[in-house]
Amino acid sequence: MADQNAQQKIWEKIVAKAWADEGYKQQLLADPATVLSAEGMALPAGVQIKMVEATDKVAWLVLPAQNAGAVVEGEERLAAIW
């Protein structure tokens, strides 16, 4: 949990910096893995990072990947990802 809190704090810093600095935001959108790594975010090896910017008219929802081999039925399916 402590590591998750540390990652959240880093993410909050990145968002604030992107809101304050257009150049930084453009770098973040163009090459998120490099920027996130430079800020100290732990990124999973071999995973491509893509970033999009929400607007006041467009929001993005991401469907999480299903864990390989996990069989979850009914209401447990939603509980498994929370």
N, C-alpha and C. Protein backbone atom coordinates (compact mmCIF):
# COMPACT_ATOMS: atom_id res chain seq x y z
N MET A 1 0.82 -1.19 0.00
CA MET A 1 0.00 0.00 0.00
C MET A 1 0.86 1.25 0.00
N ALA A 2 1.98 1.23 0.72
CA ALA A 2 2.86 2.40 0.77
C ALA A 2 3.39 2.73 -0.62
N ASP A 3 3.77 1.69 -1.38
CA ASP A 3 4.28 1.90 -2.73
C ASP A 3 3.19 2.52 -3.62
N GLN A 4 1.96 2.06 -3.44
CA GLN A 4 0.83 2.60 -4.22
C GLN A 4 0.62 4.07 -3.87
N ASN A 5 0.73 4.43 -2.60
CA ASN A 5 0.59 5.82 -2.19
C ASN A 5 1.71 6.67 -2.76
N ALA A 6 2.92 6.15 -2.79
CA ALA A 6 4.05 6.88 -3.36
C ALA A 6 3.83 7.11 -4.85
N GLN A 7 3.35 6.09 -5.56
CA GLN A 7 3.08 6.21 -6.99
C GLN A 7 1.97 7.24 -7.24
N GLN A 8 0.96 7.26 -6.37
CA GLN A 8 -0.13 8.22 -6.50
C GLN A 8 0.38 9.65 -6.32
N LYS A 9 1.27 9.86 -5.37
CA LYS A 9 1.84 11.19 -5.14
C LYS A 9 2.67 11.64 -6.35
N ILE A 10 3.42 10.73 -6.93
CA ILE A 10 4.19 11.06 -8.12
C ILE A 10 3.24 11.44 -9.25
N TRP A 11 2.17 10.66 -9.43
CA TRP A 11 1.20 10.95 -10.49
C TRP A 11 0.56 12.33 -10.28
N GLU A 12 0.21 12.65 -9.05
CA GLU A 12 -0.39 13.96 -8.77
C GLU A 12 0.58 15.08 -9.13
N LYS A 13 1.85 14.89 -8.86
CA LYS A 13 2.88 15.89 -9.20
C LYS A 13 2.98 16.04 -10.72
N ILE A 14 2.94 14.92 -11.44
CA ILE A 14 3.02 14.95 -12.90
C ILE A 14 1.83 15.70 -13.48
N VAL A 15 0.64 15.41 -12.99
CA VAL A 15 -0.57 16.09 -13.49
C VAL A 15 -0.48 17.59 -13.24
N ALA A 16 -0.10 17.97 -12.03
CA ALA A 16 0.01 19.40 -11.70
C ALA A 16 1.03 20.09 -12.61
N LYS A 17 2.14 19.42 -12.85
CA LYS A 17 3.19 19.98 -13.70
C LYS A 17 2.69 20.12 -15.14
N ALA A 18 1.95 19.12 -15.63
CA ALA A 18 1.40 19.17 -16.99
C ALA A 18 0.38 20.29 -17.14
N TRP A 19 -0.42 20.52 -16.10
CA TRP A 19 -1.41 21.61 -16.15
C TRP A 19 -0.72 22.98 -16.16
N ALA A 20 0.44 23.07 -15.53
CA ALA A 20 1.14 24.35 -15.40
C ALA A 20 2.10 24.62 -16.56
N ASP A 21 2.53 23.59 -17.28
CA ASP A 21 3.58 23.75 -18.29
C ASP A 21 3.17 23.03 -19.58
N GLU A 22 2.78 23.80 -20.58
CA GLU A 22 2.31 23.23 -21.85
C GLU A 22 3.38 22.36 -22.52
N GLY A 23 4.63 22.78 -22.49
CA GLY A 23 5.71 22.00 -23.09
C GLY A 23 5.86 20.63 -22.42
N TYR A 24 5.81 20.64 -21.10
CA TYR A 24 5.89 19.38 -20.34
C TYR A 24 4.71 18.48 -20.70
N LYS A 25 3.52 19.07 -20.77
CA LYS A 25 2.32 18.29 -21.13
C LYS A 25 2.48 17.65 -22.50
N GLN A 26 3.00 18.40 -23.47
CA GLN A 26 3.18 17.85 -24.81
C GLN A 26 4.20 16.71 -24.81
N GLN A 27 5.27 16.83 -24.01
CA GLN A 27 6.24 15.74 -23.88
C GLN A 27 5.57 14.51 -23.26
N LEU A 28 4.76 14.74 -22.24
CA LEU A 28 4.07 13.65 -21.56
C LEU A 28 3.14 12.92 -22.52
N LEU A 29 2.40 13.66 -23.33
CA LEU A 29 1.49 13.04 -24.29
C LEU A 29 2.24 12.32 -25.40
N ALA A 30 3.37 12.88 -25.84
CA ALA A 30 4.13 12.30 -26.95
C ALA A 30 4.96 11.08 -26.54
N ASP A 31 5.52 11.10 -25.34
CA ASP A 31 6.41 10.02 -24.88
C ASP A 31 6.19 9.77 -23.39
N PRO A 32 5.02 9.25 -23.04
CA PRO A 32 4.69 9.11 -21.62
C PRO A 32 5.65 8.22 -20.83
N ALA A 33 6.13 7.15 -21.42
CA ALA A 33 7.01 6.24 -20.67
C ALA A 33 8.28 6.95 -20.21
N THR A 34 8.86 7.74 -21.09
CA THR A 34 10.09 8.45 -20.74
C THR A 34 9.84 9.46 -19.63
N VAL A 35 8.78 10.24 -19.77
CA VAL A 35 8.47 11.26 -18.76
C VAL A 35 8.12 10.61 -17.43
N LEU A 36 7.27 9.59 -17.45
CA LEU A 36 6.88 8.91 -16.22
C LEU A 36 8.09 8.30 -15.51
N SER A 37 8.96 7.66 -16.27
CA SER A 37 10.17 7.06 -15.68
C SER A 37 11.06 8.14 -15.08
N ALA A 38 11.22 9.25 -15.80
CA ALA A 38 12.07 10.34 -15.31
C ALA A 38 11.55 10.93 -14.00
N GLU A 39 10.24 10.86 -13.80
CA GLU A 39 9.63 11.38 -12.57
C GLU A 39 9.62 10.36 -11.43
N GLY A 40 10.07 9.12 -11.73
CA GLY A 40 10.16 8.12 -10.68
C GLY A 40 9.02 7.12 -10.63
N MET A 41 8.16 7.12 -11.65
CA MET A 41 7.07 6.14 -11.68
C MET A 41 7.63 4.76 -12.00
N ALA A 42 7.13 3.75 -11.33
CA ALA A 42 7.51 2.37 -11.61
C ALA A 42 6.63 1.88 -12.76
N LEU A 43 7.26 1.55 -13.88
CA LEU A 43 6.53 1.07 -15.05
C LEU A 43 6.82 -0.41 -15.26
N PRO A 44 5.78 -1.18 -15.59
CA PRO A 44 6.01 -2.61 -15.83
C PRO A 44 6.86 -2.83 -17.08
N ALA A 45 7.80 -3.73 -16.98
CA ALA A 45 8.68 -4.04 -18.11
C ALA A 45 7.87 -4.62 -19.26
N GLY A 46 8.18 -4.19 -20.46
CA GLY A 46 7.55 -4.76 -21.65
C GLY A 46 6.15 -4.26 -21.93
N VAL A 47 5.69 -3.26 -21.20
CA VAL A 47 4.33 -2.73 -21.39
C VAL A 47 4.43 -1.38 -22.08
N GLN A 48 3.70 -1.23 -23.18
CA GLN A 48 3.66 0.04 -23.90
C GLN A 48 2.72 0.98 -23.16
N ILE A 49 3.13 2.22 -22.98
CA ILE A 49 2.32 3.22 -22.28
C ILE A 49 1.76 4.19 -23.31
N LYS A 50 0.44 4.38 -23.29
CA LYS A 50 -0.21 5.36 -24.16
C LYS A 50 -0.97 6.32 -23.27
N MET A 51 -0.98 7.58 -23.66
CA MET A 51 -1.66 8.59 -22.85
C MET A 51 -2.53 9.45 -23.75
N VAL A 52 -3.71 9.77 -23.27
CA VAL A 52 -4.61 10.68 -23.96
C VAL A 52 -5.04 11.74 -22.96
N GLU A 53 -5.46 12.88 -23.48
CA GLU A 53 -5.90 13.97 -22.62
C GLU A 53 -7.41 14.09 -22.68
N ALA A 54 -8.06 14.07 -21.53
CA ALA A 54 -9.49 14.30 -21.46
C ALA A 54 -9.75 15.79 -21.71
N THR A 55 -10.93 16.09 -22.21
CA THR A 55 -11.34 17.48 -22.39
C THR A 55 -12.66 17.67 -21.65
N ASP A 56 -13.20 18.88 -21.71
CA ASP A 56 -14.49 19.10 -21.05
C ASP A 56 -15.62 18.41 -21.80
N LYS A 57 -15.35 17.93 -23.02
CA LYS A 57 -16.38 17.27 -23.82
C LYS A 57 -16.12 15.79 -24.07
N VAL A 58 -14.90 15.33 -23.73
CA VAL A 58 -14.55 13.93 -23.97
C VAL A 58 -13.86 13.37 -22.73
N ALA A 59 -14.39 12.26 -22.23
CA ALA A 59 -13.77 11.54 -21.12
C ALA A 59 -13.41 10.14 -21.62
N TRP A 60 -12.42 9.55 -21.03
CA TRP A 60 -11.95 8.23 -21.44
C TRP A 60 -12.13 7.25 -20.30
N LEU A 61 -12.64 6.08 -20.60
CA LEU A 61 -12.73 4.98 -19.64
C LEU A 61 -11.89 3.84 -20.20
N VAL A 62 -11.13 3.20 -19.33
CA VAL A 62 -10.27 2.10 -19.77
C VAL A 62 -10.79 0.81 -19.16
N LEU A 63 -11.05 -0.16 -20.02
CA LEU A 63 -11.45 -1.49 -19.56
C LEU A 63 -10.18 -2.23 -19.17
N PRO A 64 -10.05 -2.60 -17.90
CA PRO A 64 -8.82 -3.29 -17.46
C PRO A 64 -8.66 -4.63 -18.16
N ALA A 65 -7.41 -5.03 -18.33
CA ALA A 65 -7.12 -6.34 -18.90
C ALA A 65 -7.56 -7.42 -17.92
N GLN A 66 -8.06 -8.50 -18.45
CA GLN A 66 -8.45 -9.63 -17.60
C GLN A 66 -7.20 -10.42 -17.26
N ASN A 67 -7.05 -10.79 -16.01
CA ASN A 67 -5.91 -11.60 -15.60
C ASN A 67 -5.97 -12.96 -16.26
N ALA A 68 -4.89 -13.38 -16.86
CA ALA A 68 -4.84 -14.68 -17.52
C ALA A 68 -5.09 -15.78 -16.50
N GLY A 69 -5.96 -16.69 -16.83
CA GLY A 69 -6.24 -17.83 -15.97
C GLY A 69 -7.25 -17.56 -14.88
N ALA A 70 -7.65 -16.30 -14.69
CA ALA A 70 -8.61 -15.98 -13.65
C ALA A 70 -10.02 -16.24 -14.16
N VAL A 71 -10.77 -17.02 -13.45
CA VAL A 71 -12.16 -17.27 -13.80
C VAL A 71 -13.01 -16.67 -12.69
N VAL A 72 -13.73 -15.62 -13.03
CA VAL A 72 -14.54 -14.92 -12.04
C VAL A 72 -15.95 -14.79 -12.60
N GLU A 73 -16.93 -15.13 -11.80
CA GLU A 73 -18.32 -15.12 -12.25
C GLU A 73 -19.15 -14.12 -11.46
N GLY A 74 -20.23 -13.65 -12.07
CA GLY A 74 -21.23 -12.82 -11.41
C GLY A 74 -20.67 -11.56 -10.78
N GLU A 75 -21.20 -11.24 -9.58
CA GLU A 75 -20.80 -10.02 -8.90
C GLU A 75 -19.33 -10.06 -8.48
N GLU A 76 -18.78 -11.24 -8.34
CA GLU A 76 -17.36 -11.36 -7.99
C GLU A 76 -16.48 -10.76 -9.08
N ARG A 77 -16.97 -10.72 -10.29
CA ARG A 77 -16.19 -10.19 -11.42
C ARG A 77 -15.84 -8.73 -11.15
N LEU A 78 -16.80 -7.91 -10.72
CA LEU A 78 -16.55 -6.52 -10.44
C LEU A 78 -15.69 -6.37 -9.18
N ALA A 79 -15.99 -7.15 -8.17
CA ALA A 79 -15.23 -7.07 -6.91
C ALA A 79 -13.76 -7.43 -7.13
N ALA A 80 -13.48 -8.30 -8.10
CA ALA A 80 -12.11 -8.75 -8.34
C ALA A 80 -11.20 -7.63 -8.81
N ILE A 81 -11.76 -6.64 -9.47
CA ILE A 81 -10.91 -5.55 -9.97
C ILE A 81 -10.86 -4.38 -9.01
N TRP A 82 -11.66 -4.39 -7.98
CA TRP A 82 -11.64 -3.31 -6.98
C TRP A 82 -10.95 -3.83 -5.79
